[in-house]
Amino acid sequence: MKNYKEFIIVYYPIIIAFIAMMYSIFLGLSGDFESAQYSAHWPATILLFAIAIRQRRNNFYNKNN
């Protein structure tokens, strides 16, 4: 159980971005092209925010040590 929790903590942005990408693909295949194009930007935004948050968190923890 511990390994599963560690996996989720490390990879949750990638999992959420993958779900957002699948949602966008589903919208595109169902014919709602405008919503598909709008939601296609979500995965990149999620990953960019995750990178920015991790960098800030790492800088904060490294500064205090």
N, C-alpha and C. Protein backbone atom coordinates (compact mmCIF):
# COMPACT_ATOMS: atom_id res chain seq x y z
N MET A 1 0.82 -1.20 0.00
CA MET A 1 0.00 0.00 0.00
C MET A 1 0.86 1.26 0.00
N LYS A 2 2.01 1.20 0.67
CA LYS A 2 2.88 2.36 0.74
C LYS A 2 3.43 2.74 -0.64
N ASN A 3 3.80 1.75 -1.44
CA ASN A 3 4.31 2.02 -2.77
C ASN A 3 3.25 2.66 -3.66
N TYR A 4 2.00 2.25 -3.49
CA TYR A 4 0.90 2.82 -4.27
C TYR A 4 0.72 4.29 -3.94
N LYS A 5 0.78 4.64 -2.66
CA LYS A 5 0.63 6.03 -2.25
C LYS A 5 1.80 6.87 -2.76
N GLU A 6 3.00 6.34 -2.70
CA GLU A 6 4.16 7.07 -3.21
C GLU A 6 4.04 7.28 -4.72
N PHE A 7 3.55 6.27 -5.42
CA PHE A 7 3.36 6.39 -6.87
C PHE A 7 2.37 7.51 -7.18
N ILE A 8 1.25 7.56 -6.47
CA ILE A 8 0.24 8.59 -6.70
C ILE A 8 0.80 9.97 -6.38
N ILE A 9 1.53 10.10 -5.29
CA ILE A 9 2.09 11.40 -4.90
C ILE A 9 3.06 11.92 -5.95
N VAL A 10 3.85 11.04 -6.54
CA VAL A 10 4.84 11.47 -7.53
C VAL A 10 4.21 11.71 -8.89
N TYR A 11 3.29 10.85 -9.31
CA TYR A 11 2.79 10.89 -10.68
C TYR A 11 1.38 11.44 -10.85
N TYR A 12 0.80 12.07 -9.82
CA TYR A 12 -0.57 12.55 -9.97
C TYR A 12 -0.74 13.59 -11.06
N PRO A 13 0.23 14.50 -11.32
CA PRO A 13 0.00 15.44 -12.42
C PRO A 13 -0.07 14.75 -13.78
N ILE A 14 0.74 13.72 -13.95
CA ILE A 14 0.74 13.01 -15.23
C ILE A 14 -0.56 12.24 -15.40
N ILE A 15 -1.06 11.66 -14.33
CA ILE A 15 -2.33 10.93 -14.39
C ILE A 15 -3.47 11.88 -14.72
N ILE A 16 -3.51 13.03 -14.06
CA ILE A 16 -4.57 14.00 -14.32
C ILE A 16 -4.46 14.54 -15.74
N ALA A 17 -3.25 14.82 -16.21
CA ALA A 17 -3.06 15.31 -17.57
C ALA A 17 -3.49 14.26 -18.59
N PHE A 18 -3.22 13.00 -18.32
CA PHE A 18 -3.65 11.93 -19.22
C PHE A 18 -5.17 11.84 -19.28
N ILE A 19 -5.82 11.97 -18.15
CA ILE A 19 -7.30 11.95 -18.12
C ILE A 19 -7.85 13.14 -18.91
N ALA A 20 -7.23 14.32 -18.76
CA ALA A 20 -7.68 15.49 -19.50
C ALA A 20 -7.47 15.30 -21.00
N MET A 21 -6.38 14.66 -21.39
CA MET A 21 -6.13 14.40 -22.80
C MET A 21 -7.16 13.42 -23.37
N MET A 22 -7.47 12.39 -22.60
CA MET A 22 -8.48 11.42 -23.05
C MET A 22 -9.85 12.09 -23.17
N TYR A 23 -10.16 13.01 -22.26
CA TYR A 23 -11.42 13.76 -22.33
C TYR A 23 -11.47 14.59 -23.60
N SER A 24 -10.37 15.24 -23.94
CA SER A 24 -10.31 16.05 -25.16
C SER A 24 -10.47 15.18 -26.41
N ILE A 25 -9.83 14.03 -26.41
CA ILE A 25 -9.96 13.10 -27.55
C ILE A 25 -11.40 12.61 -27.67
N PHE A 26 -12.02 12.29 -26.55
CA PHE A 26 -13.41 11.87 -26.55
C PHE A 26 -14.31 12.95 -27.13
N LEU A 27 -14.10 14.20 -26.72
CA LEU A 27 -14.91 15.29 -27.25
C LEU A 27 -14.71 15.44 -28.76
N GLY A 28 -13.47 15.31 -29.21
CA GLY A 28 -13.20 15.41 -30.64
C GLY A 28 -13.85 14.30 -31.44
N LEU A 29 -13.80 13.09 -30.92
CA LEU A 29 -14.41 11.97 -31.62
C LEU A 29 -15.93 12.02 -31.60
N SER A 30 -16.47 12.67 -30.57
CA SER A 30 -17.94 12.77 -30.49
C SER A 30 -18.48 13.93 -31.31
N GLY A 31 -17.60 14.75 -31.90
CA GLY A 31 -18.04 15.81 -32.79
C GLY A 31 -18.06 17.20 -32.18
N ASP A 32 -17.74 17.34 -30.93
CA ASP A 32 -17.73 18.66 -30.29
C ASP A 32 -16.33 19.25 -30.42
N PHE A 33 -16.02 19.77 -31.61
CA PHE A 33 -14.66 20.18 -31.92
C PHE A 33 -14.22 21.43 -31.16
N GLU A 34 -15.13 22.36 -30.92
CA GLU A 34 -14.75 23.56 -30.19
C GLU A 34 -14.34 23.24 -28.75
N SER A 35 -15.12 22.41 -28.09
CA SER A 35 -14.78 22.01 -26.72
C SER A 35 -13.51 21.17 -26.71
N ALA A 36 -13.32 20.35 -27.73
CA ALA A 36 -12.13 19.52 -27.81
C ALA A 36 -10.87 20.39 -27.95
N GLN A 37 -10.96 21.43 -28.77
CA GLN A 37 -9.81 22.32 -28.93
C GLN A 37 -9.54 23.09 -27.64
N TYR A 38 -10.60 23.50 -26.95
CA TYR A 38 -10.42 24.22 -25.69
C TYR A 38 -9.79 23.32 -24.64
N SER A 39 -10.29 22.12 -24.50
CA SER A 39 -9.79 21.22 -23.47
C SER A 39 -8.45 20.58 -23.85
N ALA A 40 -8.03 20.72 -25.08
CA ALA A 40 -6.74 20.17 -25.50
C ALA A 40 -5.58 20.91 -24.84
N HIS A 41 -5.81 22.11 -24.33
CA HIS A 41 -4.76 22.87 -23.67
C HIS A 41 -4.59 22.48 -22.21
N TRP A 42 -5.53 21.79 -21.65
CA TRP A 42 -5.49 21.44 -20.23
C TRP A 42 -4.30 20.58 -19.84
N PRO A 43 -3.97 19.51 -20.58
CA PRO A 43 -2.85 18.67 -20.15
C PRO A 43 -1.53 19.43 -20.02
N ALA A 44 -1.23 20.27 -21.00
CA ALA A 44 0.01 21.04 -20.94
C ALA A 44 -0.01 22.01 -19.77
N THR A 45 -1.15 22.64 -19.54
CA THR A 45 -1.27 23.58 -18.43
C THR A 45 -1.09 22.86 -17.09
N ILE A 46 -1.69 21.71 -16.95
CA ILE A 46 -1.56 20.93 -15.71
C ILE A 46 -0.10 20.56 -15.46
N LEU A 47 0.58 20.09 -16.50
CA LEU A 47 1.98 19.70 -16.33
C LEU A 47 2.88 20.90 -16.05
N LEU A 48 2.62 22.03 -16.70
CA LEU A 48 3.42 23.22 -16.44
C LEU A 48 3.25 23.72 -15.02
N PHE A 49 2.02 23.73 -14.52
CA PHE A 49 1.80 24.13 -13.14
C PHE A 49 2.46 23.16 -12.17
N ALA A 50 2.42 21.87 -12.47
CA ALA A 50 3.06 20.88 -11.60
C ALA A 50 4.57 21.10 -11.55
N ILE A 51 5.18 21.41 -12.69
CA ILE A 51 6.61 21.68 -12.73
C ILE A 51 6.94 22.93 -11.91
N ALA A 52 6.14 23.98 -12.10
CA ALA A 52 6.39 25.22 -11.38
C ALA A 52 6.24 25.03 -9.87
N ILE A 53 5.22 24.30 -9.46
CA ILE A 53 5.00 24.07 -8.03
C ILE A 53 6.13 23.24 -7.45
N ARG A 54 6.58 22.21 -8.16
CA ARG A 54 7.69 21.39 -7.65
C ARG A 54 8.99 22.17 -7.55
N GLN A 55 9.23 23.05 -8.54
CA GLN A 55 10.45 23.86 -8.47
C GLN A 55 10.40 24.79 -7.27
N ARG A 56 9.27 25.43 -7.04
CA ARG A 56 9.15 26.33 -5.89
C ARG A 56 9.30 25.53 -4.59
N ARG A 57 8.68 24.37 -4.53
CA ARG A 57 8.75 23.54 -3.32
C ARG A 57 10.20 23.09 -3.08
N ASN A 58 10.89 22.65 -4.12
CA ASN A 58 12.29 22.21 -3.97
C ASN A 58 13.18 23.38 -3.57
N ASN A 59 12.96 24.55 -4.16
CA ASN A 59 13.77 25.72 -3.79
C ASN A 59 13.54 26.09 -2.33
N PHE A 60 12.31 26.00 -1.87
CA PHE A 60 11.99 26.33 -0.49
C PHE A 60 12.66 25.36 0.48
N TYR A 61 12.58 24.07 0.18
CA TYR A 61 13.17 23.07 1.07
C TYR A 61 14.70 23.10 1.03
N ASN A 62 15.28 23.37 -0.13
CA ASN A 62 16.74 23.43 -0.23
C ASN A 62 17.28 24.69 0.45
N LYS A 63 16.51 25.75 0.45
CA LYS A 63 16.95 27.00 1.07
C LYS A 63 16.99 26.86 2.59
N ASN A 64 16.08 26.06 3.15
CA ASN A 64 16.01 25.90 4.60
C ASN A 64 17.01 24.89 5.14
N ASN A 65 17.62 24.11 4.30
CA ASN A 65 18.58 23.09 4.78
C ASN A 65 19.98 23.60 4.82
